[in-house]
Amino acid sequence: MRVALDAQLEVGTATGIGEYVRGLVPALRARAIDVAVLQSPRLDPWRFDRRVLWDQVLLPAAALRARPDLLHCTASSVPIVPLRLPLVVTVHDVAWHRVQQHTRLYARLYFRDAMARRFRAARAIVTDSVFSREELISCVGVDPGRVFVAYLGVDPQFARVVRRPNDSHPFILAVGTVERRKALGIAIEALAGIPDVRLVSVGPTTPYEQECRRRARALGISERVVFRGYVGREELLTLYATATLAIAPSLYEGFGYAAAQALCAGVPLLASDAASHPEIVGDPAALIPAGDVGAWREAIAAMLADPATARRRAAERRSEAVARFTWDSCARETIAAYEYALGAGSQ
């Protein structure tokens, strides 16, 4: 089987989708799938006009040149004009239908409305969680029989992290793009009532960061809120090794990479009880009511007050998470979608 795979969001400051491509491609190849990686290294995928150029012009041309059996679009966007190729698309979440109403109209028309129509025409769809599968079916109206769930893998480097938290300088780690739905502001509000600990945010920025900075200044804690921006893999692993605890306060996640990475790295974790987090995190004790500042403050303070217990629980859950979030498992489920698209899905 030869698959043309859209890898454009691996370019530049690759976030969760870039991580997805990096892990999935070698795992597919290890299972004897011939993968043609489609990518334009000089094209910035984070500018809307260039993303559309890639999706609608450069990607279709590259896919046809690759002469594959099917095209796999990995970033929740696809060519609008149908190609003479079976199409498989990974839809990571339906945030454009649920929590992105504040974005520009042209972006909503493209990523929400235009893509929904094309998703319905795809031979097969892959989602990152059962939650995202049900959301997609509800919001877009796709045929449930064509939707496959493939949990994302977590790079084995996270499983090899040697924990060495510094109790003299404790910090809370929040990983993810600083955007409204990630709800970093909730953590900042909670931090105001907890002395002697820093909050370190790691991830690409959006205008929401300025709102978070203003709130930290108003609360008098700006010196304890650190925005590191996008960091490389080695620095990220060091942060997971040394963090006192990790938080994922997001209001909407199709999978929840920050939570999965923390679990695999053995970091004590608190996550919101929203969207896919209950499915991915699994432990009710680690789930905090989304948006409830008081509950977050209480949970963080309790974990900081008894770090030994928090670390023991994290260590106990680590091996289960490492076994659960593997790229080989993701590849296996993805191949099932490919086979459906080329077999039953084409009938």
Protein backbone atom coordinates (compact mmCIF):
# COMPACT_ATOMS: atom_id res chain seq x y z
CA MET A 1 0.00 0.00 0.00
CA ARG A 2 1.36 3.42 -0.97
CA VAL A 3 0.04 6.38 1.03
CA ALA A 4 0.61 10.06 0.27
CA LEU A 5 0.62 11.74 3.68
CA ASP A 6 0.20 15.46 4.33
CA ALA A 7 3.10 16.46 6.64
CA GLN A 8 2.96 20.25 6.24
CA LEU A 9 2.16 21.02 9.88
CA GLU A 10 5.43 19.40 10.87
CA VAL A 11 7.15 22.49 9.41
CA GLY A 12 8.28 25.26 11.75
CA THR A 13 6.87 25.42 15.26
CA ALA A 14 5.21 22.04 15.08
CA THR A 15 2.58 21.60 17.78
CA GLY A 16 0.39 18.55 18.39
CA ILE A 17 -0.30 17.82 14.72
CA GLY A 18 3.39 18.08 13.89
CA GLU A 19 4.10 15.65 16.71
CA TYR A 20 1.44 13.36 15.25
CA VAL A 21 3.10 13.31 11.83
CA ARG A 22 6.57 12.75 13.29
CA GLY A 23 5.40 9.74 15.24
CA LEU A 24 2.98 8.21 12.77
CA VAL A 25 5.17 8.11 9.64
CA PRO A 26 7.92 5.80 11.00
CA ALA A 27 5.30 3.64 12.73
CA LEU A 28 3.45 3.16 9.43
CA ARG A 29 6.69 2.33 7.64
CA ALA A 30 7.52 -0.21 10.34
CA ARG A 31 4.25 -1.92 9.38
CA ALA A 32 5.27 -2.06 5.70
CA ILE A 33 3.26 0.95 4.51
CA ASP A 34 5.00 2.87 1.71
CA VAL A 35 4.60 6.47 2.87
CA ALA A 36 5.24 9.40 0.54
CA VAL A 37 5.70 12.41 2.85
CA LEU A 38 4.21 15.55 1.28
CA GLN A 39 5.70 18.79 2.53
CA SER A 40 6.92 22.22 1.44
CA PRO A 41 9.65 23.13 3.97
CA ARG A 42 9.75 26.83 3.05
CA LEU A 43 6.02 27.42 3.38
CA ASP A 44 4.79 28.70 6.75
CA PRO A 45 1.64 26.65 7.54
CA TRP A 46 0.61 29.01 10.35
CA ARG A 47 -0.39 31.86 8.04
CA PHE A 48 -3.95 31.42 6.81
CA ASP A 49 -3.25 32.34 3.19
CA ARG A 50 -0.31 29.95 2.97
CA ARG A 51 -2.25 27.18 4.67
CA VAL A 52 -4.95 27.52 2.02
CA LEU A 53 -2.30 27.60 -0.71
CA TRP A 54 -0.92 24.34 0.64
CA ASP A 55 -4.28 22.61 1.14
CA GLN A 56 -5.84 23.62 -2.17
CA VAL A 57 -2.95 23.92 -4.64
CA LEU A 58 0.36 22.46 -3.53
CA LEU A 59 -0.93 19.42 -1.65
CA PRO A 60 -3.18 18.14 -4.47
CA ALA A 61 -0.37 18.56 -6.98
CA ALA A 62 2.12 16.77 -4.75
CA ALA A 63 -0.36 13.97 -4.06
CA LEU A 64 -0.97 13.31 -7.73
CA ARG A 65 2.76 13.30 -8.46
CA ALA A 66 3.31 10.72 -5.73
CA ARG A 67 0.97 8.21 -7.48
CA PRO A 68 -0.35 6.74 -4.22
CA ASP A 69 -3.19 4.36 -3.52
CA LEU A 70 -4.75 6.99 -1.25
CA LEU A 71 -4.20 10.43 0.25
CA HIS A 72 -4.11 10.86 4.03
CA CYS A 73 -4.71 14.44 5.18
CA THR A 74 -3.46 14.61 8.75
CA ALA A 75 -4.37 18.16 9.82
CA SER A 76 -8.19 18.34 9.74
CA SER A 77 -8.18 20.13 6.38
CA VAL A 78 -8.42 18.69 2.87
CA PRO A 79 -8.57 19.77 -0.77
CA ILE A 80 -12.00 21.18 -1.57
CA VAL A 81 -11.95 19.97 -5.17
CA PRO A 82 -12.14 16.14 -5.08
CA LEU A 83 -9.10 14.28 -6.38
CA ARG A 84 -9.14 10.98 -8.19
CA LEU A 85 -7.79 9.39 -5.05
CA PRO A 86 -9.45 7.79 -2.04
CA LEU A 87 -9.29 10.29 0.82
CA VAL A 88 -8.61 9.55 4.48
CA VAL A 89 -8.59 12.50 6.88
CA THR A 90 -7.60 12.79 10.51
CA VAL A 91 -9.97 15.13 12.34
CA HIS A 92 -8.30 15.89 15.66
CA ASP A 93 -11.26 17.78 17.09
CA VAL A 94 -14.25 19.89 16.09
CA ALA A 95 -13.16 23.00 17.98
CA TRP A 96 -14.20 25.12 15.00
CA HIS A 97 -17.78 24.05 15.70
CA ARG A 98 -17.60 24.30 19.49
CA VAL A 99 -15.16 26.90 20.84
CA GLN A 100 -13.74 28.99 18.02
CA GLN A 101 -16.61 31.42 17.51
CA HIS A 102 -14.34 34.34 18.44
CA THR A 103 -12.10 33.77 15.40
CA ARG A 104 -12.29 35.60 12.08
CA LEU A 105 -15.21 34.81 9.80
CA TYR A 106 -13.07 33.70 6.85
CA ALA A 107 -11.28 31.17 9.08
CA ARG A 108 -14.58 29.77 10.37
CA LEU A 109 -15.97 29.50 6.84
CA TYR A 110 -12.89 27.57 5.74
CA PHE A 111 -12.00 25.31 8.68
CA ARG A 112 -15.57 24.76 9.85
CA ASP A 113 -18.05 24.98 6.97
CA ALA A 114 -15.99 24.07 3.91
CA MET A 115 -14.17 21.24 5.69
CA ALA A 116 -17.37 19.76 7.13
CA ARG A 117 -18.70 19.25 3.62
CA ARG A 118 -15.50 17.49 2.54
CA PHE A 119 -15.37 15.31 5.66
CA ARG A 120 -18.71 13.85 4.68
CA ALA A 121 -17.21 12.79 1.36
CA ALA A 122 -14.04 11.19 2.75
CA ARG A 123 -13.72 7.43 2.38
CA ALA A 124 -12.59 7.12 6.02
CA ILE A 125 -11.96 9.43 8.97
CA VAL A 126 -9.56 8.96 11.88
CA THR A 127 -10.12 10.67 15.24
CA ASP A 128 -7.83 10.87 18.28
CA SER A 129 -10.41 9.75 20.83
CA VAL A 130 -13.89 8.34 21.26
CA PHE A 131 -14.91 11.80 22.43
CA SER A 132 -13.78 13.36 19.15
CA ARG A 133 -15.51 10.61 17.17
CA GLU A 134 -18.83 11.34 18.87
CA GLU A 135 -18.35 15.10 18.50
CA LEU A 136 -17.63 14.72 14.79
CA ILE A 137 -20.70 12.58 14.23
CA SER A 138 -22.86 15.04 16.18
CA CYS A 139 -21.54 18.27 14.63
CA VAL A 140 -20.81 17.21 11.06
CA GLY A 141 -23.16 14.32 10.48
CA VAL A 142 -20.66 11.85 9.05
CA ASP A 143 -21.41 8.16 8.70
CA PRO A 144 -20.33 6.54 12.02
CA GLY A 145 -19.19 3.42 10.17
CA ARG A 146 -16.43 5.39 8.44
CA VAL A 147 -14.92 6.88 11.62
CA PHE A 148 -11.98 5.09 13.27
CA VAL A 149 -10.42 5.94 16.64
CA ALA A 150 -6.63 5.90 16.91
CA TYR A 151 -5.16 7.24 20.13
CA LEU A 152 -2.04 9.26 19.48
CA GLY A 153 1.32 7.94 20.54
CA VAL A 154 3.70 9.70 22.90
CA ASP A 155 7.37 9.76 21.95
CA PRO A 156 9.30 7.11 23.97
CA GLN A 157 11.64 9.89 25.10
CA PHE A 158 8.97 10.94 27.59
CA ALA A 159 8.93 7.45 29.09
CA ARG A 160 12.69 7.74 29.61
CA VAL A 161 12.50 11.03 31.51
CA VAL A 162 14.27 10.75 34.87
CA ARG A 163 12.30 12.82 37.34
CA ARG A 164 14.32 15.29 39.41
CA PRO A 165 11.92 17.96 40.74
CA ASN A 166 13.54 20.78 42.68
CA ASP A 167 11.56 21.28 45.88
CA SER A 168 13.49 24.46 46.63
CA HIS A 169 12.13 26.13 43.49
CA PRO A 170 8.78 24.46 42.71
CA PHE A 171 6.99 25.21 39.47
CA ILE A 172 3.80 24.19 37.70
CA LEU A 173 4.16 23.30 34.02
CA ALA A 174 1.47 24.12 31.44
CA VAL A 175 2.22 22.87 27.92
CA GLY A 176 0.25 23.95 24.87
CA THR A 177 -0.50 26.83 22.57
CA VAL A 178 -1.44 29.89 24.62
CA GLU A 179 -4.94 30.25 23.18
CA ARG A 180 -8.30 30.88 24.78
CA ARG A 181 -9.62 27.32 24.81
CA LYS A 182 -6.50 26.12 26.67
CA ALA A 183 -7.69 28.34 29.56
CA LEU A 184 -4.31 29.29 30.99
CA GLY A 185 -6.08 32.21 32.64
CA ILE A 186 -7.77 29.76 35.01
CA ALA A 187 -4.37 28.61 36.25
CA ILE A 188 -3.20 32.20 36.67
CA GLU A 189 -6.28 33.01 38.75
CA ALA A 190 -5.66 29.93 40.89
CA LEU A 191 -2.00 30.77 41.37
CA ALA A 192 -2.90 34.08 43.02
CA GLY A 193 -3.93 32.22 46.15
CA ILE A 194 -0.89 29.93 46.30
CA PRO A 195 2.41 31.49 47.40
CA ASP A 196 5.98 30.44 46.57
CA VAL A 197 5.38 28.59 43.31
CA ARG A 198 5.80 29.62 39.68
CA LEU A 199 3.68 28.83 36.65
CA VAL A 200 5.71 28.07 33.51
CA SER A 201 3.81 28.19 30.21
CA VAL A 202 5.37 26.47 27.20
CA GLY A 203 3.93 26.74 23.72
CA PRO A 204 3.32 29.01 20.73
CA THR A 205 1.64 32.31 21.46
CA THR A 206 -1.57 33.96 20.29
CA PRO A 207 -3.11 37.32 21.29
CA TYR A 208 -4.64 35.53 24.29
CA GLU A 209 -1.19 35.59 25.91
CA GLN A 210 -1.44 39.35 26.36
CA GLU A 211 -4.75 38.90 28.17
CA CYS A 212 -3.07 36.38 30.48
CA ARG A 213 -0.17 38.75 31.14
CA ARG A 214 -2.55 41.57 32.00
CA ARG A 215 -4.43 39.35 34.42
CA ALA A 216 -1.19 38.26 36.11
CA ARG A 217 -0.16 41.91 36.55
CA ALA A 218 -3.55 42.82 37.98
CA LEU A 219 -3.25 40.00 40.50
CA GLY A 220 0.28 41.05 41.44
CA ILE A 221 1.88 37.76 40.39
CA SER A 222 3.43 38.60 37.03
CA GLU A 223 6.90 37.73 38.37
CA ARG A 224 5.64 34.19 39.06
CA VAL A 225 4.11 33.58 35.64
CA VAL A 226 6.72 32.72 33.00
CA PHE A 227 5.95 32.49 29.28
CA ARG A 228 8.66 30.45 27.59
CA GLY A 229 7.07 30.30 24.14
CA TYR A 230 7.83 27.41 21.83
CA VAL A 231 10.75 25.27 23.04
CA GLY A 232 12.70 22.43 21.48
CA ARG A 233 12.35 18.79 22.47
CA GLU A 234 15.35 18.64 24.80
CA GLU A 235 14.22 21.70 26.74
CA LEU A 236 10.69 20.34 26.96
CA LEU A 237 11.95 17.03 28.36
CA THR A 238 14.02 18.91 30.94
CA LEU A 239 10.93 20.85 32.01
CA TYR A 240 8.96 17.63 32.45
CA ALA A 241 11.86 16.17 34.46
CA THR A 242 12.03 19.10 36.85
CA ALA A 243 8.41 20.28 37.13
CA THR A 244 6.69 19.86 40.46
CA LEU A 245 3.42 19.14 38.71
CA ALA A 246 1.78 19.57 35.32
CA ILE A 247 -1.61 21.08 34.61
CA ALA A 248 -3.96 20.91 31.62
CA PRO A 249 -6.86 23.30 32.33
CA SER A 250 -8.11 23.30 28.72
CA LEU A 251 -11.82 23.70 28.06
CA TYR A 252 -11.70 21.69 24.85
CA GLU A 253 -9.30 18.98 23.65
CA GLY A 254 -9.74 16.34 21.01
CA PHE A 255 -7.00 14.26 22.62
CA GLY A 256 -4.97 16.17 25.20
CA TYR A 257 -1.30 15.83 24.34
CA ALA A 258 -0.16 17.80 27.38
CA ALA A 259 -1.94 15.38 29.69
CA ALA A 260 -0.71 12.27 27.86
CA GLN A 261 2.90 13.49 27.83
CA ALA A 262 2.81 14.29 31.55
CA LEU A 263 1.43 10.85 32.34
CA CYS A 264 4.15 9.15 30.30
CA ALA A 265 6.85 11.30 31.90
CA GLY A 266 5.64 10.41 35.38
CA VAL A 267 4.74 13.98 36.33
CA PRO A 268 1.93 14.54 38.86
CA LEU A 269 -0.98 15.81 36.76
CA LEU A 270 -4.12 17.85 37.21
CA ALA A 271 -6.41 18.20 34.19
CA SER A 272 -9.81 19.70 33.52
CA ASP A 273 -12.77 17.36 33.43
CA ALA A 274 -13.74 18.72 30.00
CA ALA A 275 -13.92 17.11 26.56
CA SER A 276 -11.52 14.17 26.03
CA HIS A 277 -9.60 14.52 29.31
CA PRO A 278 -11.67 12.00 31.32
CA GLU A 279 -11.04 9.44 28.57
CA ILE A 280 -7.31 10.14 28.25
CA VAL A 281 -6.43 10.83 31.89
CA GLY A 282 -8.61 8.09 33.33
CA ASP A 283 -8.10 8.96 37.01
CA PRO A 284 -11.11 10.87 38.46
CA ALA A 285 -8.93 12.20 41.27
CA ALA A 286 -6.79 14.07 38.72
CA LEU A 287 -9.77 15.77 37.05
CA ILE A 288 -10.77 19.27 38.16
CA PRO A 289 -14.01 21.04 37.17
CA ALA A 290 -13.24 23.09 34.08
CA GLY A 291 -13.26 26.82 34.73
CA ASP A 292 -13.68 26.51 38.51
CA VAL A 293 -10.86 28.68 39.88
CA GLY A 294 -11.54 27.71 43.48
CA ALA A 295 -11.40 24.00 42.72
CA TRP A 296 -8.15 24.44 40.81
CA ARG A 297 -6.59 26.46 43.63
CA GLU A 298 -7.59 23.83 46.19
CA ALA A 299 -6.32 20.92 44.08
CA ILE A 300 -2.97 22.56 43.28
CA ALA A 301 -2.43 23.55 46.91
CA ALA A 302 -3.21 20.01 48.09
CA MET A 303 -0.77 18.48 45.62
CA LEU A 304 1.97 20.93 46.59
CA ALA A 305 1.35 20.20 50.28
CA ASP A 306 1.94 16.46 49.81
CA PRO A 307 4.41 16.04 46.94
CA ALA A 308 5.49 12.56 48.01
CA THR A 309 2.00 11.13 47.57
CA ALA A 310 1.56 12.95 44.25
CA ARG A 311 4.83 11.54 42.93
CA ARG A 312 4.01 8.02 44.04
CA ARG A 313 0.64 8.10 42.27
CA ALA A 314 2.25 9.50 39.12
CA ALA A 315 4.87 6.76 39.14
CA GLU A 316 2.22 4.07 39.58
CA ARG A 317 0.24 5.31 36.57
CA ARG A 318 3.23 5.87 34.32
CA SER A 319 3.71 2.37 32.91
CA GLU A 320 0.02 2.08 32.02
CA ALA A 321 0.17 5.36 30.09
CA VAL A 322 3.37 4.38 28.28
CA ALA A 323 1.78 1.11 27.17
CA ARG A 324 -1.43 2.83 26.11
CA PHE A 325 -0.08 5.70 24.02
CA THR A 326 2.19 4.02 21.46
CA TRP A 327 2.77 4.96 17.84
CA ASP A 328 2.56 1.33 16.81
CA SER A 329 -0.98 1.13 18.16
CA CYS A 330 -1.85 4.40 16.42
CA ALA A 331 -0.43 3.06 13.15
CA ARG A 332 -2.36 -0.20 13.46
CA GLU A 333 -5.69 1.59 13.85
CA THR A 334 -4.83 4.03 11.07
CA ILE A 335 -4.07 1.18 8.69
CA ALA A 336 -7.52 -0.23 9.47
CA ALA A 337 -8.94 3.07 8.18
CA TYR A 338 -6.76 2.82 5.05
CA GLU A 339 -7.95 -0.71 4.36
CA TYR A 340 -11.55 0.33 4.79
CA ALA A 341 -11.05 3.25 2.40
CA LEU A 342 -9.57 0.97 -0.24
CA GLY A 343 -12.00 -1.87 0.35
CA ALA A 344 -15.44 -1.61 1.88
CA GLY A 345 -15.31 2.19 1.81
CA SER A 346 -15.05 2.24 -1.99
CA GLN A 347 -18.08 0.08 -2.60
